[in-house]
């Protein structure tokens, strides 16, 4: 099995900080999430209506 590498710096991972090699790299990754550097793309809804909108329109 191939040796796992830290996604931040590429050094071998350390069990205590998996999947990172150190607390420093783990903190760098956390900062990237908190500052918005990493973004999970949202999937848009084609209709644009939500269930709440549909219920509201039926009551009118």
C-alpha atoms as a PDB file:
ATOM      1  CA  UNK A   1       0.000   0.000   0.000  1.00  0.00           C
ATOM      2  CA  UNK A   2       1.301   3.467  -0.851  1.00  0.00           C
ATOM      3  CA  UNK A   3       2.370   5.726   1.985  1.00  0.00           C
ATOM      4  CA  UNK A   4      -0.192   8.425   2.715  1.00  0.00           C
ATOM      5  CA  UNK A   5       0.972  12.014   2.333  1.00  0.00           C
ATOM      6  CA  UNK A   6      -0.119  15.230   4.019  1.00  0.00           C
ATOM      7  CA  UNK A   7      -2.473  17.144   1.682  1.00  0.00           C
ATOM      8  CA  UNK A   8      -0.902  20.460   2.743  1.00  0.00           C
ATOM      9  CA  UNK A   9       2.859  19.865   2.474  1.00  0.00           C
ATOM     10  CA  UNK A  10       3.259  16.349   1.053  1.00  0.00           C
ATOM     11  CA  UNK A  11       5.233  14.923   3.994  1.00  0.00           C
ATOM     12  CA  UNK A  12       4.286  11.470   5.368  1.00  0.00           C
ATOM     13  CA  UNK A  13       1.261  11.547   7.683  1.00  0.00           C
ATOM     14  CA  UNK A  14       1.563  11.110  11.440  1.00  0.00           C
ATOM     15  CA  UNK A  15      -1.035   8.926  13.182  1.00  0.00           C
ATOM     16  CA  UNK A  16      -1.794  11.603  15.807  1.00  0.00           C
ATOM     17  CA  UNK A  17      -2.652  14.242  13.158  1.00  0.00           C
ATOM     18  CA  UNK A  18      -4.083  12.082  10.358  1.00  0.00           C
ATOM     19  CA  UNK A  19      -4.523  12.931   7.506  1.00  0.00           C
ATOM     20  CA  UNK A  20      -1.885  15.607   8.183  1.00  0.00           C
ATOM     21  CA  UNK A  21       1.771  15.433   9.215  1.00  0.00           C
ATOM     22  CA  UNK A  22       1.543  17.963  12.053  1.00  0.00           C
ATOM     23  CA  UNK A  23      -0.750  20.259  14.029  1.00  0.00           C
ATOM     24  CA  UNK A  24       0.556  23.133  11.912  1.00  0.00           C
ATOM     25  CA  UNK A  25      -0.730  21.587   8.674  1.00  0.00           C
ATOM     26  CA  UNK A  26      -4.039  20.683  10.353  1.00  0.00           C
ATOM     27  CA  UNK A  27      -4.400  24.315  11.469  1.00  0.00           C
ATOM     28  CA  UNK A  28      -3.573  25.588   7.965  1.00  0.00           C
ATOM     29  CA  UNK A  29      -6.334  23.365   6.556  1.00  0.00           C
ATOM     30  CA  UNK A  30      -8.827  24.535   9.206  1.00  0.00           C
ATOM     31  CA  UNK A  31      -8.003  28.170   8.435  1.00  0.00           C
ATOM     32  CA  UNK A  32      -8.616  27.554   4.733  1.00  0.00           C
ATOM     33  CA  UNK A  33     -12.092  26.171   5.503  1.00  0.00           C
ATOM     34  CA  UNK A  34     -12.961  28.973   7.920  1.00  0.00           C
ATOM     35  CA  UNK A  35     -11.727  31.750   5.634  1.00  0.00           C
ATOM     36  CA  UNK A  36     -13.694  30.448   2.638  1.00  0.00           C
ATOM     37  CA  UNK A  37     -10.681  29.349   0.588  1.00  0.00           C
ATOM     38  CA  UNK A  38     -12.275  25.907   0.248  1.00  0.00           C
ATOM     39  CA  UNK A  39     -15.818  25.943  -1.083  1.00  0.00           C
ATOM     40  CA  UNK A  40     -18.220  23.087  -1.590  1.00  0.00           C
ATOM     41  CA  UNK A  41     -20.196  23.912  -4.742  1.00  0.00           C
ATOM     42  CA  UNK A  42     -23.955  24.019  -4.317  1.00  0.00           C
ATOM     43  CA  UNK A  43     -26.220  22.253  -6.733  1.00  0.00           C
ATOM     44  CA  UNK A  44     -28.850  24.624  -8.046  1.00  0.00           C
ATOM     45  CA  UNK A  45     -32.510  23.687  -8.130  1.00  0.00           C
ATOM     46  CA  UNK A  46     -33.858  23.932 -11.686  1.00  0.00           C
ATOM     47  CA  UNK A  47     -37.376  24.929 -10.654  1.00  0.00           C
ATOM     48  CA  UNK A  48     -36.369  27.637  -8.189  1.00  0.00           C
ATOM     49  CA  UNK A  49     -39.342  26.719  -5.980  1.00  0.00           C
ATOM     50  CA  UNK A  50     -38.988  25.309  -2.508  1.00  0.00           C
ATOM     51  CA  UNK A  51     -41.543  23.197  -0.699  1.00  0.00           C
ATOM     52  CA  UNK A  52     -42.409  26.219   1.441  1.00  0.00           C
ATOM     53  CA  UNK A  53     -43.072  28.323  -1.678  1.00  0.00           C
ATOM     54  CA  UNK A  54     -45.347  25.615  -3.098  1.00  0.00           C
ATOM     55  CA  UNK A  55     -47.355  25.398   0.146  1.00  0.00           C
ATOM     56  CA  UNK A  56     -47.708  29.177   0.285  1.00  0.00           C
ATOM     57  CA  UNK A  57     -48.916  29.398  -3.323  1.00  0.00           C
ATOM     58  CA  UNK A  58     -51.562  26.707  -2.732  1.00  0.00           C
ATOM     59  CA  UNK A  59     -53.040  28.671   0.180  1.00  0.00           C
ATOM     60  CA  UNK A  60     -53.524  31.845  -1.862  1.00  0.00           C
END
